[in-house]
Amino acid sequence: MLVAGGLPMPVFEYRVVVDGHVDYLDLAWPARTVAVECNDAGSHETPKAFRRDPMKRNRCERAGWDYLEYTWRDVVDGPCEVLSQVAGAVERAG
């Protein structure tokens, strides 16, 4: 959807190290420090994820990443808004 909407191909599962912590970003445009995290109930609503996810976001934002999060419902119900938000972030950083 993002590439079809005119964005460059992102890197999938991009490895980022911040303050000695290794995290993986679902989608990333590393040269522009834009990350998109795709959250689903199965992997992001566990007690472990509940503790891990905010710290990951905080680390990435402190390191200068524009960190956007979406659920599958966001993509299904509002693809134009998701595309607009991600494109805006990528364009601002470019």
PDB file of N, CA and C in Angstrom:
ATOM      1  N   MET A   1       0.826  -1.187   0.000  1.00  0.00           N
ATOM      2  CA  MET A   1       0.000   0.000   0.000  1.00  0.00           C
ATOM      3  C   MET A   1       0.872   1.253   0.000  1.00  0.00           C
ATOM      4  N   LEU A   2       1.921   1.260   0.823  1.00  0.00           N
ATOM      5  CA  LEU A   2       2.773   2.445   0.927  1.00  0.00           C
ATOM      6  C   LEU A   2       3.562   2.681  -0.355  1.00  0.00           C
ATOM      7  N   VAL A   3       4.125   1.617  -0.896  1.00  0.00           N
ATOM      8  CA  VAL A   3       4.889   1.746  -2.144  1.00  0.00           C
ATOM      9  C   VAL A   3       3.948   2.091  -3.299  1.00  0.00           C
ATOM     10  N   ALA A   4       2.790   1.449  -3.340  1.00  0.00           N
ATOM     11  CA  ALA A   4       1.804   1.761  -4.377  1.00  0.00           C
ATOM     12  C   ALA A   4       1.348   3.212  -4.280  1.00  0.00           C
ATOM     13  N   GLY A   5       1.420   3.773  -3.079  1.00  0.00           N
ATOM     14  CA  GLY A   5       1.045   5.166  -2.854  1.00  0.00           C
ATOM     15  C   GLY A   5       2.159   6.150  -3.163  1.00  0.00           C
ATOM     16  N   GLY A   6       3.293   5.649  -3.657  1.00  0.00           N
ATOM     17  CA  GLY A   6       4.362   6.535  -4.086  1.00  0.00           C
ATOM     18  C   GLY A   6       5.563   6.630  -3.168  1.00  0.00           C
ATOM     19  N   LEU A   7       5.554   5.897  -2.069  1.00  0.00           N
ATOM     20  CA  LEU A   7       6.698   5.945  -1.155  1.00  0.00           C
ATOM     21  C   LEU A   7       7.796   4.988  -1.610  1.00  0.00           C
ATOM     22  N   PRO A   8       9.042   5.308  -1.270  1.00  0.00           N
ATOM     23  CA  PRO A   8      10.112   4.362  -1.580  1.00  0.00           C
ATOM     24  C   PRO A   8       9.950   3.090  -0.741  1.00  0.00           C
ATOM     25  N   MET A   9      10.521   1.999  -1.226  1.00  0.00           N
ATOM     26  CA  MET A   9      10.435   0.725  -0.518  1.00  0.00           C
ATOM     27  C   MET A   9      11.102   0.852   0.854  1.00  0.00           C
ATOM     28  N   PRO A  10      10.399   0.471   1.922  1.00  0.00           N
ATOM     29  CA  PRO A  10      11.020   0.505   3.244  1.00  0.00           C
ATOM     30  C   PRO A  10      11.902  -0.722   3.460  1.00  0.00           C
ATOM     31  N   VAL A  11      12.715  -0.653   4.489  1.00  0.00           N
ATOM     32  CA  VAL A  11      13.481  -1.814   4.939  1.00  0.00           C
ATOM     33  C   VAL A  11      12.603  -2.536   5.956  1.00  0.00           C
ATOM     34  N   PHE A  12      12.482  -3.842   5.817  1.00  0.00           N
ATOM     35  CA  PHE A  12      11.673  -4.628   6.746  1.00  0.00           C
ATOM     36  C   PHE A  12      12.548  -5.148   7.879  1.00  0.00           C
ATOM     37  N   GLU A  13      11.991  -5.114   9.107  1.00  0.00           N
ATOM     38  CA  GLU A  13      12.703  -5.608  10.299  1.00  0.00           C
ATOM     39  C   GLU A  13      14.096  -4.974  10.419  1.00  0.00           C
ATOM     40  N   TYR A  14      14.124  -3.658  10.349  1.00  0.00           N
ATOM     41  CA  TYR A  14      15.384  -2.917  10.420  1.00  0.00           C
ATOM     42  C   TYR A  14      15.940  -2.959  11.844  1.00  0.00           C
ATOM     43  N   ARG A  15      17.184  -3.347  11.965  1.00  0.00           N
ATOM     44  CA  ARG A  15      17.847  -3.459  13.275  1.00  0.00           C
ATOM     45  C   ARG A  15      18.400  -2.096  13.669  1.00  0.00           C
ATOM     46  N   VAL A  16      18.004  -1.640  14.842  1.00  0.00           N
ATOM     47  CA  VAL A  16      18.486  -0.365  15.372  1.00  0.00           C
ATOM     48  C   VAL A  16      19.017  -0.604  16.785  1.00  0.00           C
ATOM     49  N   VAL A  17      20.145  -0.001  17.106  1.00  0.00           N
ATOM     50  CA  VAL A  17      20.731  -0.123  18.437  1.00  0.00           C
ATOM     51  C   VAL A  17      20.749   1.259  19.068  1.00  0.00           C
ATOM     52  N   VAL A  18      20.110   1.376  20.209  1.00  0.00           N
ATOM     53  CA  VAL A  18      20.057   2.640  20.933  1.00  0.00           C
ATOM     54  C   VAL A  18      20.391   2.356  22.392  1.00  0.00           C
ATOM     55  N   ASP A  19      21.380   3.053  22.913  1.00  0.00           N
ATOM     56  CA  ASP A  19      21.785   2.888  24.317  1.00  0.00           C
ATOM     57  C   ASP A  19      22.055   1.428  24.672  1.00  0.00           C
ATOM     58  N   GLY A  20      22.623   0.699  23.722  1.00  0.00           N
ATOM     59  CA  GLY A  20      22.959  -0.699  23.969  1.00  0.00           C
ATOM     60  C   GLY A  20      21.800  -1.668  23.812  1.00  0.00           C
ATOM     61  N   HIS A  21      20.620  -1.168  23.512  1.00  0.00           N
ATOM     62  CA  HIS A  21      19.440  -2.019  23.312  1.00  0.00           C
ATOM     63  C   HIS A  21      19.246  -2.263  21.824  1.00  0.00           C
ATOM     64  N   VAL A  22      19.035  -3.511  21.452  1.00  0.00           N
ATOM     65  CA  VAL A  22      18.779  -3.867  20.057  1.00  0.00           C
ATOM     66  C   VAL A  22      17.271  -4.003  19.872  1.00  0.00           C
ATOM     67  N   ASP A  23      16.744  -3.258  18.918  1.00  0.00           N
ATOM     68  CA  ASP A  23      15.325  -3.333  18.581  1.00  0.00           C
ATOM     69  C   ASP A  23      15.205  -3.537  17.086  1.00  0.00           C
ATOM     70  N   TYR A  24      14.069  -4.050  16.663  1.00  0.00           N
ATOM     71  CA  TYR A  24      13.782  -4.230  15.248  1.00  0.00           C
ATOM     72  C   TYR A  24      12.531  -3.437  14.916  1.00  0.00           C
ATOM     73  N   LEU A  25      12.634  -2.630  13.875  1.00  0.00           N
ATOM     74  CA  LEU A  25      11.519  -1.814  13.424  1.00  0.00           C
ATOM     75  C   LEU A  25      10.824  -2.538  12.272  1.00  0.00           C
ATOM     76  N   ASP A  26       9.504  -2.644  12.338  1.00  0.00           N
ATOM     77  CA  ASP A  26       8.764  -3.382  11.316  1.00  0.00           C
ATOM     78  C   ASP A  26       9.065  -2.845   9.917  1.00  0.00           C
ATOM     79  N   LEU A  27       8.940  -1.558   9.738  1.00  0.00           N
ATOM     80  CA  LEU A  27       9.244  -0.894   8.474  1.00  0.00           C
ATOM     81  C   LEU A  27      10.084   0.335   8.790  1.00  0.00           C
ATOM     82  N   ALA A  28      11.094   0.599   7.985  1.00  0.00           N
ATOM     83  CA  ALA A  28      11.935   1.766   8.253  1.00  0.00           C
ATOM     84  C   ALA A  28      12.484   2.349   6.968  1.00  0.00           C
ATOM     85  N   TRP A  29      12.643   3.639   7.008  1.00  0.00           N
ATOM     86  CA  TRP A  29      13.380   4.382   5.998  1.00  0.00           C
ATOM     87  C   TRP A  29      14.577   4.954   6.747  1.00  0.00           C
ATOM     88  N   PRO A  30      15.639   4.155   6.890  1.00  0.00           N
ATOM     89  CA  PRO A  30      16.764   4.520   7.759  1.00  0.00           C
ATOM     90  C   PRO A  30      17.424   5.855   7.417  1.00  0.00           C
ATOM     91  N   ALA A  31      17.591   6.156   6.160  1.00  0.00           N
ATOM     92  CA  ALA A  31      18.237   7.417   5.787  1.00  0.00           C
ATOM     93  C   ALA A  31      17.403   8.619   6.220  1.00  0.00           C
ATOM     94  N   ARG A  32      16.131   8.391   6.457  1.00  0.00           N
ATOM     95  CA  ARG A  32      15.229   9.481   6.868  1.00  0.00           C
ATOM     96  C   ARG A  32      14.777   9.335   8.316  1.00  0.00           C
ATOM     97  N   THR A  33      15.259   8.317   8.984  1.00  0.00           N
ATOM     98  CA  THR A  33      14.897   7.987  10.370  1.00  0.00           C
ATOM     99  C   THR A  33      13.386   8.029  10.610  1.00  0.00           C
ATOM    100  N   VAL A  34      12.681   7.337   9.726  1.00  0.00           N
ATOM    101  CA  VAL A  34      11.231   7.169   9.862  1.00  0.00           C
ATOM    102  C   VAL A  34      10.965   5.683  10.061  1.00  0.00           C
ATOM    103  N   ALA A  35      10.182   5.373  11.083  1.00  0.00           N
ATOM    104  CA  ALA A  35       9.838   3.988  11.395  1.00  0.00           C
ATOM    105  C   ALA A  35       8.327   3.834  11.471  1.00  0.00           C
ATOM    106  N   VAL A  36       7.853   2.690  11.006  1.00  0.00           N
ATOM    107  CA  VAL A  36       6.441   2.339  11.131  1.00  0.00           C
ATOM    108  C   VAL A  36       6.370   1.003  11.855  1.00  0.00           C
ATOM    109  N   GLU A  37       5.628   0.993  12.928  1.00  0.00           N
ATOM    110  CA  GLU A  37       5.422  -0.221  13.699  1.00  0.00           C
ATOM    111  C   GLU A  37       4.001  -0.703  13.438  1.00  0.00           C
ATOM    112  N   CYS A  38       3.866  -1.969  13.062  1.00  0.00           N
ATOM    113  CA  CYS A  38       2.570  -2.577  12.753  1.00  0.00           C
ATOM    114  C   CYS A  38       2.145  -3.432  13.944  1.00  0.00           C
ATOM    115  N   ASN A  39       1.216  -2.924  14.712  1.00  0.00           N
ATOM    116  CA  ASN A  39       0.804  -3.603  15.938  1.00  0.00           C
ATOM    117  C   ASN A  39      -0.404  -4.491  15.701  1.00  0.00           C
ATOM    118  N   ASP A  40      -0.331  -5.686  16.246  1.00  0.00           N
ATOM    119  CA  ASP A  40      -1.468  -6.589  16.204  1.00  0.00           C
ATOM    120  C   ASP A  40      -1.692  -7.142  17.604  1.00  0.00           C
ATOM    121  N   ALA A  41      -2.909  -7.564  17.850  1.00  0.00           N
ATOM    122  CA  ALA A  41      -3.267  -8.031  19.189  1.00  0.00           C
ATOM    123  C   ALA A  41      -2.445  -9.233  19.620  1.00  0.00           C
ATOM    124  N   GLY A  42      -2.082 -10.090  18.698  1.00  0.00           N
ATOM    125  CA  GLY A  42      -1.361 -11.301  19.051  1.00  0.00           C
ATOM    126  C   GLY A  42       0.014 -11.059  19.626  1.00  0.00           C
ATOM    127  N   SER A  43       0.747 -10.111  19.075  1.00  0.00           N
ATOM    128  CA  SER A  43       2.127  -9.924  19.532  1.00  0.00           C
ATOM    129  C   SER A  43       2.358  -8.646  20.322  1.00  0.00           C
ATOM    130  N   HIS A  44       1.386  -7.759  20.378  1.00  0.00           N
ATOM    131  CA  HIS A  44       1.614  -6.491  21.073  1.00  0.00           C
ATOM    132  C   HIS A  44       0.707  -6.273  22.277  1.00  0.00           C
ATOM    133  N   GLU A  45      -0.118  -7.232  22.601  1.00  0.00           N
ATOM    134  CA  GLU A  45      -0.984  -7.070  23.765  1.00  0.00           C
ATOM    135  C   GLU A  45      -0.670  -8.085  24.857  1.00  0.00           C
ATOM    136  N   THR A  46       0.521  -8.635  24.809  1.00  0.00           N
ATOM    137  CA  THR A  46       0.955  -9.546  25.864  1.00  0.00           C
ATOM    138  C   THR A  46       1.565  -8.725  27.000  1.00  0.00           C
ATOM    139  N   PRO A  47       1.677  -9.282  28.191  1.00  0.00           N
ATOM    140  CA  PRO A  47       2.326  -8.545  29.282  1.00  0.00           C
ATOM    141  C   PRO A  47       3.759  -8.127  28.931  1.00  0.00           C
ATOM    142  N   LYS A  48       4.489  -8.996  28.227  1.00  0.00           N
ATOM    143  CA  LYS A  48       5.862  -8.666  27.839  1.00  0.00           C
ATOM    144  C   LYS A  48       5.881  -7.466  26.883  1.00  0.00           C
ATOM    145  N   ALA A  49       5.008  -7.482  25.887  1.00  0.00           N
ATOM    146  CA  ALA A  49       4.949  -6.378  24.932  1.00  0.00           C
ATOM    147  C   ALA A  49       4.474  -5.095  25.599  1.00  0.00           C
ATOM    148  N   PHE A  50       3.555  -5.228  26.548  1.00  0.00           N
ATOM    149  CA  PHE A  50       3.051  -4.062  27.270  1.00  0.00           C
ATOM    150  C   PHE A  50       4.199  -3.327  27.954  1.00  0.00           C
ATOM    151  N   ARG A  51       5.172  -4.068  28.458  1.00  0.00           N
ATOM    152  CA  ARG A  51       6.347  -3.465  29.103  1.00  0.00           C
ATOM    153  C   ARG A  51       7.382  -3.022  28.075  1.00  0.00           C
ATOM    154  N   ARG A  52       7.564  -3.801  27.026  1.00  0.00           N
ATOM    155  CA  ARG A  52       8.634  -3.565  26.051  1.00  0.00           C
ATOM    156  C   ARG A  52       8.330  -2.440  25.069  1.00  0.00           C
ATOM    157  N   ASP A  53       7.140  -2.382  24.535  1.00  0.00           N
ATOM    158  CA  ASP A  53       6.821  -1.465  23.449  1.00  0.00           C
ATOM    159  C   ASP A  53       7.043   0.016  23.779  1.00  0.00           C
ATOM    160  N   PRO A  54       6.582   0.511  24.924  1.00  0.00           N
ATOM    161  CA  PRO A  54       6.831   1.932  25.208  1.00  0.00           C
ATOM    162  C   PRO A  54       8.318   2.268  25.337  1.00  0.00           C
ATOM    163  N   MET A  55       9.102   1.371  25.899  1.00  0.00           N
ATOM    164  CA  MET A  55      10.536   1.629  26.025  1.00  0.00           C
ATOM    165  C   MET A  55      11.197   1.657  24.659  1.00  0.00           C
ATOM    166  N   LYS A  56      10.802   0.763  23.784  1.00  0.00           N
ATOM    167  CA  LYS A  56      11.331   0.737  22.422  1.00  0.00           C
ATOM    168  C   LYS A  56      11.012   2.064  21.726  1.00  0.00           C
ATOM    169  N   ARG A  57       9.777   2.484  21.815  1.00  0.00           N
ATOM    170  CA  ARG A  57       9.376   3.751  21.193  1.00  0.00           C
ATOM    171  C   ARG A  57      10.169   4.915  21.772  1.00  0.00           C
ATOM    172  N   ASN A  58      10.295   4.967  23.071  1.00  0.00           N
ATOM    173  CA  ASN A  58      11.025   6.063  23.712  1.00  0.00           C
ATOM    174  C   ASN A  58      12.481   6.100  23.269  1.00  0.00           C
ATOM    175  N   ARG A  59      13.122   4.932  23.223  1.00  0.00           N
ATOM    176  CA  ARG A  59      14.521   4.879  22.781  1.00  0.00           C
ATOM    177  C   ARG A  59      14.660   5.407  21.363  1.00  0.00           C
ATOM    178  N   CYS A  60      13.781   4.935  20.487  1.00  0.00           N
ATOM    179  CA  CYS A  60      13.862   5.340  19.083  1.00  0.00           C
ATOM    180  C   CYS A  60      13.600   6.842  18.922  1.00  0.00           C
ATOM    181  N   GLU A  61      12.617   7.350  19.610  1.00  0.00           N
ATOM    182  CA  GLU A  61      12.324   8.778  19.500  1.00  0.00           C
ATOM    183  C   GLU A  61      13.469   9.623  20.056  1.00  0.00           C
ATOM    184  N   ARG A  62      14.066   9.191  21.153  1.00  0.00           N
ATOM    185  CA  ARG A  62      15.217   9.927  21.708  1.00  0.00           C
ATOM    186  C   ARG A  62      16.387   9.918  20.740  1.00  0.00           C
ATOM    187  N   ALA A  63      16.495   8.848  19.940  1.00  0.00           N
ATOM    188  CA  ALA A  63      17.577   8.741  18.961  1.00  0.00           C
ATOM    189  C   ALA A  63      17.244   9.482  17.663  1.00  0.00           C
ATOM    190  N   GLY A  64      16.084  10.129  17.601  1.00  0.00           N
ATOM    191  CA  GLY A  64      15.740  10.950  16.452  1.00  0.00           C
ATOM    192  C   GLY A  64      14.816  10.328  15.429  1.00  0.00           C
ATOM    193  N   TRP A  65      14.279   9.150  15.721  1.00  0.00           N
ATOM    194  CA  TRP A  65      13.368   8.496  14.786  1.00  0.00           C
ATOM    195  C   TRP A  65      11.979   9.118  14.875  1.00  0.00           C
ATOM    196  N   ASP A  66      11.344   9.303  13.739  1.00  0.00           N
ATOM    197  CA  ASP A  66       9.922   9.632  13.677  1.00  0.00           C
ATOM    198  C   ASP A  66       9.217   8.279  13.688  1.00  0.00           C
ATOM    199  N   TYR A  67       8.549   7.948  14.776  1.00  0.00           N
ATOM    200  CA  TYR A  67       8.062   6.599  15.070  1.00  0.00           C
ATOM    201  C   TYR A  67       6.542   6.600  14.983  1.00  0.00           C
ATOM    202  N   LEU A  68       6.008   5.930  13.968  1.00  0.00           N
ATOM    203  CA  LEU A  68       4.565   5.870  13.752  1.00  0.00           C
ATOM    204  C   LEU A  68       4.071   4.456  14.033  1.00  0.00           C
ATOM    205  N   GLU A  69       2.914   4.356  14.669  1.00  0.00           N
ATOM    206  CA  GLU A  69       2.345   3.048  15.011  1.00  0.00           C
ATOM    207  C   GLU A  69       0.938   2.918  14.448  1.00  0.00           C
ATOM    208  N   TYR A  70       0.663   1.754  13.876  1.00  0.00           N
ATOM    209  CA  TYR A  70      -0.655   1.484  13.312  1.00  0.00           C
ATOM    210  C   TYR A  70      -1.081   0.059  13.640  1.00  0.00           C
ATOM    211  N   THR A  71      -2.388  -0.122  13.675  1.00  0.00           N
ATOM    212  CA  THR A  71      -2.951  -1.461  13.795  1.00  0.00           C
ATOM    213  C   THR A  71      -3.467  -1.882  12.417  1.00  0.00           C
ATOM    214  N   TRP A  72      -3.760  -3.153  12.288  1.00  0.00           N
ATOM    215  CA  TRP A  72      -4.333  -3.636  11.038  1.00  0.00           C
ATOM    216  C   TRP A  72      -5.648  -2.920  10.755  1.00  0.00           C
ATOM    217  N   ARG A  73      -6.428  -2.661  11.794  1.00  0.00           N
ATOM    218  CA  ARG A  73      -7.697  -1.950  11.641  1.00  0.00           C
ATOM    219  C   ARG A  73      -7.468  -0.558  11.067  1.00  0.00           C
ATOM    220  N   ASP A  74      -6.395   0.118  11.499  1.00  0.00           N
ATOM    221  CA  ASP A  74      -6.077   1.439  10.951  1.00  0.00           C
ATOM    222  C   ASP A  74      -5.892   1.351   9.440  1.00  0.00           C
ATOM    223  N   VAL A  75      -5.163   0.328   9.005  1.00  0.00           N
ATOM    224  CA  VAL A  75      -4.872   0.158   7.578  1.00  0.00           C
ATOM    225  C   VAL A  75      -6.150  -0.191   6.812  1.00  0.00           C
ATOM    226  N   VAL A  76      -6.977  -1.063   7.365  1.00  0.00           N
ATOM    227  CA  VAL A  76      -8.205  -1.477   6.689  1.00  0.00           C
ATOM    228  C   VAL A  76      -9.232  -0.348   6.659  1.00  0.00           C
ATOM    229  N   ASP A  77      -9.424   0.327   7.801  1.00  0.00           N
ATOM    230  CA  ASP A  77     -10.466   1.349   7.905  1.00  0.00           C
ATOM    231  C   ASP A  77     -10.040   2.719   7.388  1.00  0.00           C
ATOM    232  N   GLY A  78      -8.746   3.000   7.390  1.00  0.00           N
ATOM    233  CA  GLY A  78      -8.299   4.328   6.987  1.00  0.00           C
ATOM    234  C   GLY A  78      -7.001   4.330   6.211  1.00  0.00           C
ATOM    235  N   PRO A  79      -6.925   3.576   5.117  1.00  0.00           N
ATOM    236  CA  PRO A  79      -5.656   3.491   4.392  1.00  0.00           C
ATOM    237  C   PRO A  79      -5.156   4.837   3.884  1.00  0.00           C
ATOM    238  N   CYS A  80      -6.060   5.710   3.485  1.00  0.00           N
ATOM    239  CA  CYS A  80      -5.636   7.023   2.977  1.00  0.00           C
ATOM    240  C   CYS A  80      -4.984   7.850   4.079  1.00  0.00           C
ATOM    241  N   GLU A  81      -5.534   7.779   5.282  1.00  0.00           N
ATOM    242  CA  GLU A  81      -4.954   8.527   6.399  1.00  0.00           C
ATOM    243  C   GLU A  81      -3.590   7.958   6.781  1.00  0.00           C
ATOM    244  N   VAL A  82      -3.468   6.635   6.811  1.00  0.00           N
ATOM    245  CA  VAL A  82      -2.183   6.007   7.118  1.00  0.00           C
ATOM    246  C   VAL A  82      -1.151   6.424   6.077  1.00  0.00           C
ATOM    247  N   LEU A  83      -1.496   6.315   4.816  1.00  0.00           N
ATOM    248  CA  LEU A  83      -0.579   6.711   3.742  1.00  0.00           C
ATOM    249  C   LEU A  83      -0.193   8.178   3.872  1.00  0.00           C
ATOM    250  N   SER A  84      -1.153   9.025   4.150  1.00  0.00           N
ATOM    251  CA  SER A  84      -0.880  10.456   4.287  1.00  0.00           C
ATOM    252  C   SER A  84       0.087  10.739   5.439  1.00  0.00           C
ATOM    253  N   GLN A  85      -0.121  10.088   6.562  1.00  0.00           N
ATOM    254  CA  GLN A  85       0.742  10.301   7.718  1.00  0.00           C
ATOM    255  C   GLN A  85       2.158   9.820   7.447  1.00  0.00           C
ATOM    256  N   VAL A  86       2.279   8.625   6.887  1.00  0.00           N
ATOM    257  CA  VAL A  86       3.616   8.064   6.615  1.00  0.00           C
ATOM    258  C   VAL A  86       4.310   8.886   5.536  1.00  0.00           C
ATOM    259  N   ALA A  87       3.586   9.232   4.477  1.00  0.00           N
ATOM    260  CA  ALA A  87       4.192  10.037   3.408  1.00  0.00           C
ATOM    261  C   ALA A  87       4.652  11.389   3.958  1.00  0.00           C
ATOM    262  N   GLY A  88       3.863  11.979   4.831  1.00  0.00           N
ATOM    263  CA  GLY A  88       4.251  13.262   5.429  1.00  0.00           C
ATOM    264  C   GLY A  88       5.546  13.137   6.215  1.00  0.00           C
ATOM    265  N   ALA A  89       5.656  12.083   6.986  1.00  0.00           N
ATOM    266  CA  ALA A  89       6.876  11.868   7.778  1.00  0.00           C
ATOM    267  C   ALA A  89       8.079  11.645   6.886  1.00  0.00           C
ATOM    268  N   VAL A  90       7.931  10.825   5.853  1.00  0.00           N
ATOM    269  CA  VAL A  90       9.036  10.532   4.946  1.00  0.00           C
ATOM    270  C   VAL A  90       9.440  11.798   4.183  1.00  0.00           C
ATOM    271  N   GLU A  91       8.466  12.568   3.733  1.00  0.00           N
ATOM    272  CA  GLU A  91       8.764  13.803   2.995  1.00  0.00           C
ATOM    273  C   GLU A  91       9.438  14.843   3.894  1.00  0.00           C
ATOM    274  N   ARG A  92       8.954  15.013   5.116  1.00  0.00           N
ATOM    275  CA  ARG A  92       9.566  15.985   6.040  1.00  0.00           C
ATOM    276  C   ARG A  92      11.020  15.640   6.312  1.00  0.00           C
ATOM    277  N   ALA A  93      11.308  14.352   6.383  1.00  0.00           N
ATOM    278  CA  ALA A  93      12.656  13.907   6.716  1.00  0.00           C
ATOM    279  C   ALA A  93      13.577  13.921   5.499  1.00  0.00           C
ATOM    280  N   GLY A  94      13.011  13.985   4.302  1.00  0.00           N
ATOM    281  CA  GLY A  94      13.808  13.880   3.089  1.00  0.00           C
ATOM    282  C   GLY A  94      14.452  15.150   2.717  1.00  0.00           C
TER     283      GLY A  94
END
